[in-house]
Each structure stands twice: as structure tokens, then as C-alpha cells.
PDB file of N, CA and C in Angstrom:
ATOM      1  N   MET A   1      31.644   7.542  14.677  1.00  0.00           N
ATOM      2  CA  MET A   1      30.905   8.094  15.478  1.00  0.00           C
ATOM      3  C   MET A   1      29.484   6.715  15.017  1.00  0.00           C
ATOM      4  N   SER A   2      28.328   5.679  16.726  1.00  0.00           N
ATOM      5  CA  SER A   2      28.381   4.209  16.835  1.00  0.00           C
ATOM      6  C   SER A   2      26.846   4.889  17.059  1.00  0.00           C
ATOM      7  N   ALA A   3      26.043   4.558  16.130  1.00  0.00           N
ATOM      8  CA  ALA A   3      24.762   4.235  16.376  1.00  0.00           C
ATOM      9  C   ALA A   3      24.002   3.386  17.606  1.00  0.00           C
ATOM     10  N   THR A   4      22.674   3.827  18.381  1.00  0.00           N
ATOM     11  CA  THR A   4      22.580   2.883  19.230  1.00  0.00           C
ATOM     12  C   THR A   4      20.979   1.408  18.224  1.00  0.00           C
ATOM     13  N   ILE A   5      21.634   1.089  18.085  1.00  0.00           N
ATOM     14  CA  ILE A   5      20.109  -0.449  16.909  1.00  0.00           C
ATOM     15  C   ILE A   5      18.975  -0.576  18.125  1.00  0.00           C
ATOM     16  N   ILE A   6      18.526   0.201  18.101  1.00  0.00           N
ATOM     17  CA  ILE A   6      16.478  -0.363  19.024  1.00  0.00           C
ATOM     18  C   ILE A   6      15.520  -1.249  17.597  1.00  0.00           C
ATOM     19  N   LEU A   7      15.639  -2.280  18.233  1.00  0.00           N
ATOM     20  CA  LEU A   7      14.430  -3.255  17.428  1.00  0.00           C
ATOM     21  C   LEU A   7      13.211  -3.428  18.275  1.00  0.00           C
ATOM     22  N   ASN A   8      12.907  -2.715  19.016  1.00  0.00           N
ATOM     23  CA  ASN A   8      11.202  -2.925  19.659  1.00  0.00           C
ATOM     24  C   ASN A   8      10.355  -1.253  19.228  1.00  0.00           C
ATOM     25  N   PRO A   9       9.474  -1.554  18.273  1.00  0.00           N
ATOM     26  CA  PRO A   9       8.991  -0.573  17.487  1.00  0.00           C
ATOM     27  C   PRO A   9       8.361   0.344  18.949  1.00  0.00           C
ATOM     28  N   ALA A  10       8.789   0.023  20.188  1.00  0.00           N
ATOM     29  CA  ALA A  10       7.626   1.049  20.687  1.00  0.00           C
ATOM     30  C   ALA A  10       8.465   1.508  21.579  1.00  0.00           C
ATOM     31  N   ALA A  11       9.940   1.070  22.106  1.00  0.00           N
ATOM     32  CA  ALA A  11      11.204   1.418  22.391  1.00  0.00           C
ATOM     33  C   ALA A  11      11.321   2.673  21.311  1.00  0.00           C
ATOM     34  N   ALA A  12      11.537   2.392  19.897  1.00  0.00           N
ATOM     35  CA  ALA A  12      11.666   2.976  19.234  1.00  0.00           C
ATOM     36  C   ALA A  12      10.738   4.800  19.550  1.00  0.00           C
ATOM     37  N   ALA A  13      10.147   4.387  19.131  1.00  0.00           N
ATOM     38  CA  ALA A  13       8.200   5.209  19.796  1.00  0.00           C
ATOM     39  C   ALA A  13       8.625   6.240  20.429  1.00  0.00           C
ATOM     40  N   GLU A  14       8.833   5.501  21.794  1.00  0.00           N
ATOM     41  CA  GLU A  14       9.663   6.403  23.171  1.00  0.00           C
ATOM     42  C   GLU A  14      10.281   7.004  22.880  1.00  0.00           C
ATOM     43  N   THR A  15      11.624   6.783  22.135  1.00  0.00           N
ATOM     44  CA  THR A  15      12.465   7.736  21.938  1.00  0.00           C
ATOM     45  C   THR A  15      12.208   8.011  21.473  1.00  0.00           C
ATOM     46  N   VAL A  16      12.064   8.466  20.177  1.00  0.00           N
ATOM     47  CA  VAL A  16      11.590   9.908  19.377  1.00  0.00           C
ATOM     48  C   VAL A  16      10.612  10.600  19.317  1.00  0.00           C
ATOM     49  N   CYS A  17       9.539   9.819  20.683  1.00  0.00           N
ATOM     50  CA  CYS A  17       8.738  11.189  20.354  1.00  0.00           C
ATOM     51  C   CYS A  17       8.376  11.286  21.666  1.00  0.00           C
ATOM     52  N   HIS A  18       9.406  11.932  22.265  1.00  0.00           N
ATOM     53  CA  HIS A  18       9.197  12.797  23.812  1.00  0.00           C
ATOM     54  C   HIS A  18       8.124  13.692  23.965  1.00  0.00           C
ATOM     55  N   GLU A  19       7.951  14.126  25.309  1.00  0.00           N
ATOM     56  CA  GLU A  19       7.133  14.874  25.188  1.00  0.00           C
ATOM     57  C   GLU A  19       7.235  16.285  24.688  1.00  0.00           C
ATOM     58  N   GLU A  20       8.672  16.945  24.549  1.00  0.00           N
ATOM     59  CA  GLU A  20       9.253  18.141  23.843  1.00  0.00           C
ATOM     60  C   GLU A  20       8.218  18.127  21.519  1.00  0.00           C
ATOM     61  N   GLN A  21       9.014  16.969  21.880  1.00  0.00           N
ATOM     62  CA  GLN A  21       9.233  16.602  20.611  1.00  0.00           C
ATOM     63  C   GLN A  21       7.416  17.010  20.042  1.00  0.00           C
ATOM     64  N   LEU A  22       6.660  15.775  20.737  1.00  0.00           N
ATOM     65  CA  LEU A  22       5.208  15.640  20.690  1.00  0.00           C
ATOM     66  C   LEU A  22       4.245  16.843  20.259  1.00  0.00           C
ATOM     67  N   ARG A  23       4.618  18.044  21.494  1.00  0.00           N
ATOM     68  CA  ARG A  23       4.100  18.806  21.559  1.00  0.00           C
ATOM     69  C   ARG A  23       3.665  19.891  20.581  1.00  0.00           C
ATOM     70  N   ILE A  24       5.614  19.608  19.723  1.00  0.00           N
ATOM     71  CA  ILE A  24       5.751  20.557  17.782  1.00  0.00           C
ATOM     72  C   ILE A  24       4.722  20.289  17.586  1.00  0.00           C
ATOM     73  N   TRP A  25       4.916  19.592  17.742  1.00  0.00           N
ATOM     74  CA  TRP A  25       3.928  18.641  16.587  1.00  0.00           C
ATOM     75  C   TRP A  25       2.875  18.346  16.610  1.00  0.00           C
ATOM     76  N   ALA A  26       2.281  18.406  17.229  1.00  0.00           N
ATOM     77  CA  ALA A  26       0.341  17.973  18.301  1.00  0.00           C
ATOM     78  C   ALA A  26       0.330  19.701  17.654  1.00  0.00           C
ATOM     79  N   HIS A  27       0.938  20.669  18.687  1.00  0.00           N
ATOM     80  CA  HIS A  27       0.632  22.156  18.166  1.00  0.00           C
ATOM     81  C   HIS A  27       1.420  23.039  16.954  1.00  0.00           C
ATOM     82  N   ASP A  28       1.910  22.630  16.755  1.00  0.00           N
ATOM     83  CA  ASP A  28       2.699  23.673  15.447  1.00  0.00           C
ATOM     84  C   ASP A  28       1.468  23.023  14.515  1.00  0.00           C
ATOM     85  N   HIS A  29       2.147  22.027  14.191  1.00  0.00           N
ATOM     86  CA  HIS A  29       1.547  21.355  13.053  1.00  0.00           C
ATOM     87  C   HIS A  29      -0.096  20.347  13.001  1.00  0.00           C
ATOM     88  N   ILE A  30      -0.737  19.668  13.546  1.00  0.00           N
ATOM     89  CA  ILE A  30      -1.880  19.146  14.142  1.00  0.00           C
ATOM     90  C   ILE A  30      -2.963  20.125  14.265  1.00  0.00           C
ATOM     91  N   VAL A  31      -2.563  21.111  15.620  1.00  0.00           N
ATOM     92  CA  VAL A  31      -3.721  22.008  15.875  1.00  0.00           C
ATOM     93  C   VAL A  31      -3.598  23.151  14.630  1.00  0.00           C
ATOM     94  N   GLY A  32      -2.226  23.434  14.878  1.00  0.00           N
ATOM     95  CA  GLY A  32      -2.076  24.496  13.766  1.00  0.00           C
ATOM     96  C   GLY A  32      -2.894  24.398  12.748  1.00  0.00           C
ATOM     97  N   ALA A  33      -3.180  23.495  11.904  1.00  0.00           N
ATOM     98  CA  ALA A  33      -3.599  22.915  10.563  1.00  0.00           C
ATOM     99  C   ALA A  33      -4.848  22.887  10.827  1.00  0.00           C
ATOM    100  N   LEU A  34      -5.518  22.885  12.508  1.00  0.00           N
ATOM    101  CA  LEU A  34      -6.530  22.796  11.743  1.00  0.00           C
ATOM    102  C   LEU A  34      -6.928  24.234  12.323  1.00  0.00           C
ATOM    103  N   ALA A  35      -6.795  24.564  13.402  1.00  0.00           N
ATOM    104  CA  ALA A  35      -6.702  26.104  13.417  1.00  0.00           C
ATOM    105  C   ALA A  35      -6.915  26.975  12.004  1.00  0.00           C
ATOM    106  N   LEU A  36      -5.816  26.885  11.328  1.00  0.00           N
ATOM    107  CA  LEU A  36      -5.942  27.600   9.725  1.00  0.00           C
ATOM    108  C   LEU A  36      -7.435  27.276   9.011  1.00  0.00           C
ATOM    109  N   GLY A  37      -7.437  25.530   9.240  1.00  0.00           N
ATOM    110  CA  GLY A  37      -8.500  24.907   8.348  1.00  0.00           C
ATOM    111  C   GLY A  37      -9.825  25.650   8.781  1.00  0.00           C
ATOM    112  N   GLY A  38     -10.093  26.188   9.885  1.00  0.00           N
ATOM    113  CA  GLY A  38     -10.946  26.970  10.659  1.00  0.00           C
ATOM    114  C   GLY A  38     -11.971  25.753  11.813  1.00  0.00           C
ATOM    115  N   TRP A  39     -11.886  24.664  11.997  1.00  0.00           N
ATOM    116  CA  TRP A  39     -12.404  23.993  12.227  1.00  0.00           C
ATOM    117  C   TRP A  39     -12.066  23.375  13.605  1.00  0.00           C
ATOM    118  N   LEU A  40     -11.519  24.523  14.243  1.00  0.00           N
ATOM    119  CA  LEU A  40     -12.193  24.843  15.931  1.00  0.00           C
ATOM    120  C   LEU A  40     -12.339  25.870  16.336  1.00  0.00           C
ATOM    121  N   ARG A  41     -12.995  25.752  17.034  1.00  0.00           N
ATOM    122  CA  ARG A  41     -14.714  26.560  17.514  1.00  0.00           C
ATOM    123  C   ARG A  41     -13.629  27.616  18.166  1.00  0.00           C
ATOM    124  N   ASP A  42     -14.237  28.403  17.768  1.00  0.00           N
ATOM    125  CA  ASP A  42     -13.972  30.488  18.235  1.00  0.00           C
ATOM    126  C   ASP A  42     -13.910  30.391  20.007  1.00  0.00           C
ATOM    127  N   ASP A  43     -14.703  29.370  20.512  1.00  0.00           N
ATOM    128  CA  ASP A  43     -14.859  29.561  22.176  1.00  0.00           C
ATOM    129  C   ASP A  43     -14.049  28.579  22.747  1.00  0.00           C
ATOM    130  N   LEU A  44     -12.869  27.723  22.340  1.00  0.00           N
ATOM    131  CA  LEU A  44     -12.241  26.717  22.755  1.00  0.00           C
ATOM    132  C   LEU A  44     -11.368  27.232  23.574  1.00  0.00           C
ATOM    133  N   SER A  45     -11.595  27.166  24.879  1.00  0.00           N
ATOM    134  CA  SER A  45     -11.018  27.149  26.629  1.00  0.00           C
ATOM    135  C   SER A  45      -9.413  27.375  26.679  1.00  0.00           C
ATOM    136  N   TYR A  46      -8.488  27.774  27.396  1.00  0.00           N
ATOM    137  CA  TYR A  46      -7.110  27.433  27.032  1.00  0.00           C
ATOM    138  C   TYR A  46      -6.942  26.295  28.134  1.00  0.00           C
ATOM    139  N   ALA A  47      -8.266  25.118  28.661  1.00  0.00           N
ATOM    140  CA  ALA A  47      -7.662  23.624  28.790  1.00  0.00           C
ATOM    141  C   ALA A  47      -8.599  23.041  27.422  1.00  0.00           C
ATOM    142  N   ASP A  48      -9.313  23.520  26.896  1.00  0.00           N
ATOM    143  CA  ASP A  48      -9.575  22.142  26.716  1.00  0.00           C
ATOM    144  C   ASP A  48      -8.273  22.473  25.041  1.00  0.00           C
ATOM    145  N   GLY A  49      -7.923  23.431  24.702  1.00  0.00           N
ATOM    146  CA  GLY A  49      -6.512  23.681  23.704  1.00  0.00           C
ATOM    147  C   GLY A  49      -5.292  22.513  24.324  1.00  0.00           C
ATOM    148  N   ILE A  50      -5.169  22.640  25.630  1.00  0.00           N
ATOM    149  CA  ILE A  50      -4.224  21.840  26.342  1.00  0.00           C
ATOM    150  C   ILE A  50      -4.541  19.802  26.047  1.00  0.00           C
ATOM    151  N   ASP A  51      -6.121  20.144  26.321  1.00  0.00           N
ATOM    152  CA  ASP A  51      -6.840  18.612  26.275  1.00  0.00           C
ATOM    153  C   ASP A  51      -6.744  18.016  24.384  1.00  0.00           C
ATOM    154  N   LEU A  52      -6.873  19.045  23.984  1.00  0.00           N
ATOM    155  CA  LEU A  52      -6.046  18.623  22.380  1.00  0.00           C
ATOM    156  C   LEU A  52      -5.491  18.109  22.396  1.00  0.00           C
ATOM    157  N   GLU A  53      -4.223  19.275  22.405  1.00  0.00           N
ATOM    158  CA  GLU A  53      -3.337  18.664  22.149  1.00  0.00           C
ATOM    159  C   GLU A  53      -2.607  17.430  22.863  1.00  0.00           C
ATOM    160  N   ASP A  54      -2.586  17.112  23.846  1.00  0.00           N
ATOM    161  CA  ASP A  54      -2.737  15.844  24.447  1.00  0.00           C
ATOM    162  C   ASP A  54      -3.066  14.370  24.296  1.00  0.00           C
ATOM    163  N   ALA A  55      -4.095  15.119  23.301  1.00  0.00           N
ATOM    164  CA  ALA A  55      -5.102  13.574  22.471  1.00  0.00           C
ATOM    165  C   ALA A  55      -4.382  13.979  21.212  1.00  0.00           C
ATOM    166  N   MET A  56      -3.836  14.980  20.796  1.00  0.00           N
ATOM    167  CA  MET A  56      -2.060  15.006  19.664  1.00  0.00           C
ATOM    168  C   MET A  56      -1.666  14.589  19.946  1.00  0.00           C
ATOM    169  N   MET A  57      -0.863  14.329  20.536  1.00  0.00           N
ATOM    170  CA  MET A  57       0.552  13.716  21.153  1.00  0.00           C
ATOM    171  C   MET A  57       0.029  12.517  20.759  1.00  0.00           C
ATOM    172  N   ARG A  58      -0.728  11.874  21.535  1.00  0.00           N
ATOM    173  CA  ARG A  58      -1.399  10.090  22.129  1.00  0.00           C
ATOM    174  C   ARG A  58      -1.770  10.290  20.630  1.00  0.00           C
ATOM    175  N   GLU A  59      -2.445  10.341  19.272  1.00  0.00           N
ATOM    176  CA  GLU A  59      -2.302   9.559  18.693  1.00  0.00           C
ATOM    177  C   GLU A  59      -1.016   9.813  17.623  1.00  0.00           C
ATOM    178  N   ILE A  60      -0.413  10.831  17.622  1.00  0.00           N
ATOM    179  CA  ILE A  60       1.075  10.600  16.785  1.00  0.00           C
ATOM    180  C   ILE A  60       2.336  10.065  17.260  1.00  0.00           C
ATOM    181  N   LYS A  61       1.521   9.563  18.413  1.00  0.00           N
ATOM    182  CA  LYS A  61       2.832   9.031  19.131  1.00  0.00           C
ATOM    183  C   LYS A  61       1.951   7.163  18.628  1.00  0.00           C
ATOM    184  N   SER A  62       1.116   7.191  18.704  1.00  0.00           N
ATOM    185  CA  SER A  62       0.744   5.962  18.035  1.00  0.00           C
ATOM    186  C   SER A  62       0.964   5.402  16.485  1.00  0.00           C
ATOM    187  N   ILE A  63       1.316   7.036  15.547  1.00  0.00           N
ATOM    188  CA  ILE A  63       0.921   6.809  14.772  1.00  0.00           C
ATOM    189  C   ILE A  63       2.929   5.863  14.186  1.00  0.00           C
ATOM    190  N   ILE A  64       3.749   7.166  14.704  1.00  0.00           N
ATOM    191  CA  ILE A  64       4.470   6.565  15.303  1.00  0.00           C
ATOM    192  C   ILE A  64       5.019   5.513  15.110  1.00  0.00           C
ATOM    193  N   GLU A  65       4.640   4.485  16.154  1.00  0.00           N
ATOM    194  CA  GLU A  65       4.656   3.374  16.326  1.00  0.00           C
ATOM    195  C   GLU A  65       4.189   2.214  15.616  1.00  0.00           C
ATOM    196  N   SER A  66       3.050   3.038  15.009  1.00  0.00           N
ATOM    197  CA  SER A  66       3.214   1.431  14.067  1.00  0.00           C
ATOM    198  C   SER A  66       3.820   1.951  12.508  1.00  0.00           C
ATOM    199  N   ALA A  67       4.360   2.916  12.664  1.00  0.00           N
ATOM    200  CA  ALA A  67       5.052   3.150  10.961  1.00  0.00           C
ATOM    201  C   ALA A  67       6.921   2.232  11.513  1.00  0.00           C
ATOM    202  N   PHE A  68       6.780   2.322  12.463  1.00  0.00           N
ATOM    203  CA  PHE A  68       8.061   1.729  13.390  1.00  0.00           C
ATOM    204  C   PHE A  68       7.903   0.307  12.966  1.00  0.00           C
ATOM    205  N   ASP A  69       6.749  -0.548  13.479  1.00  0.00           N
ATOM    206  CA  ASP A  69       6.735  -1.308  13.365  1.00  0.00           C
ATOM    207  C   ASP A  69       6.133  -2.032  12.112  1.00  0.00           C
ATOM    208  N   HIS A  70       6.030  -1.126  10.629  1.00  0.00           N
ATOM    209  CA  HIS A  70       5.684  -1.444   9.981  1.00  0.00           C
ATOM    210  C   HIS A  70       6.917  -2.804   8.979  1.00  0.00           C
ATOM    211  N   PRO A  71       6.212  -3.961   8.423  1.00  0.00           N
ATOM    212  CA  PRO A  71       7.501  -4.699   7.951  1.00  0.00           C
ATOM    213  C   PRO A  71       8.867  -3.779   6.867  1.00  0.00           C
ATOM    214  N   GLU A  72       7.871  -2.720   6.025  1.00  0.00           N
ATOM    215  CA  GLU A  72       9.107  -1.804   5.571  1.00  0.00           C
ATOM    216  C   GLU A  72      10.092  -1.083   6.279  1.00  0.00           C
ATOM    217  N   ALA A  73       9.587  -0.620   7.517  1.00  0.00           N
ATOM    218  CA  ALA A  73      10.718   0.034   8.085  1.00  0.00           C
ATOM    219  C   ALA A  73      11.596  -0.852   8.322  1.00  0.00           C
ATOM    220  N   ARG A  74      11.792  -2.417   8.517  1.00  0.00           N
ATOM    221  CA  ARG A  74      12.925  -3.140   8.863  1.00  0.00           C
ATOM    222  C   ARG A  74      13.491  -3.229   8.322  1.00  0.00           C
ATOM    223  N   THR A  75      13.468  -2.710   6.917  1.00  0.00           N
ATOM    224  CA  THR A  75      14.569  -2.988   5.470  1.00  0.00           C
ATOM    225  C   THR A  75      15.433  -1.447   5.534  1.00  0.00           C
ATOM    226  N   ILE A  76      15.652  -0.150   6.840  1.00  0.00           N
ATOM    227  CA  ILE A  76      15.695   0.859   6.276  1.00  0.00           C
ATOM    228  C   ILE A  76      17.611   0.780   7.280  1.00  0.00           C
ATOM    229  N   LYS A  77      18.058   0.800   6.265  1.00  0.00           N
ATOM    230  CA  LYS A  77      19.463   1.057   6.962  1.00  0.00           C
ATOM    231  C   LYS A  77      20.060   2.530   7.687  1.00  0.00           C
ATOM    232  N   ARG A  78      19.819   2.800   9.009  1.00  0.00           N
ATOM    233  CA  ARG A  78      20.233   3.605   9.189  1.00  0.00           C
ATOM    234  C   ARG A  78      22.134   4.071   9.613  1.00  0.00           C
ATOM    235  N   ARG A  79      22.418   5.368   8.710  1.00  0.00           N
ATOM    236  CA  ARG A  79      23.835   5.610   9.263  1.00  0.00           C
ATOM    237  C   ARG A  79      24.079   6.540  10.745  1.00  0.00           C
TER     238      ARG A  79
END
């Protein structure tokens, strides 16, 4: 099995952070944690929820891109 090596952090983030995965991370992990922690208001509309997910998706992608750009990430050998 061969692997494609991606050297650009933005391209790596784009590959890993596709919309379906971002939605899972945003909703199941971050929004879920906010809800369980009681930080979401009771009158959050459906549209507000979508906006919240979109904001979380953007933030997750930014975090992942920063992680791939970290000097330590360049020393990781993938199989």
C-alpha cells in the first residue's frame, strides 16, 4: 500500500477536514460538550445551531492546520 505525502499544512488540513468530518467533530464533540456543560441557552434556534456548528467547523480546521504546520509534526513518520 502506498501513501501520498502532503507537504503543505493547508493541503493536509483540507484533506483531513472535509465537511462531513468537520460536522462530526463540531456537533458530536464541541457542541455536544457545550450542551452537556450547560453553556448553550435553552432558546437556541435551529438556525443558531447551524451557525454555531459552522463556527466550530472553521475553528477545528484552523486548529488542525496549525497542528500540521507545527515543527514537531514534520518529524512524524506515517506508514
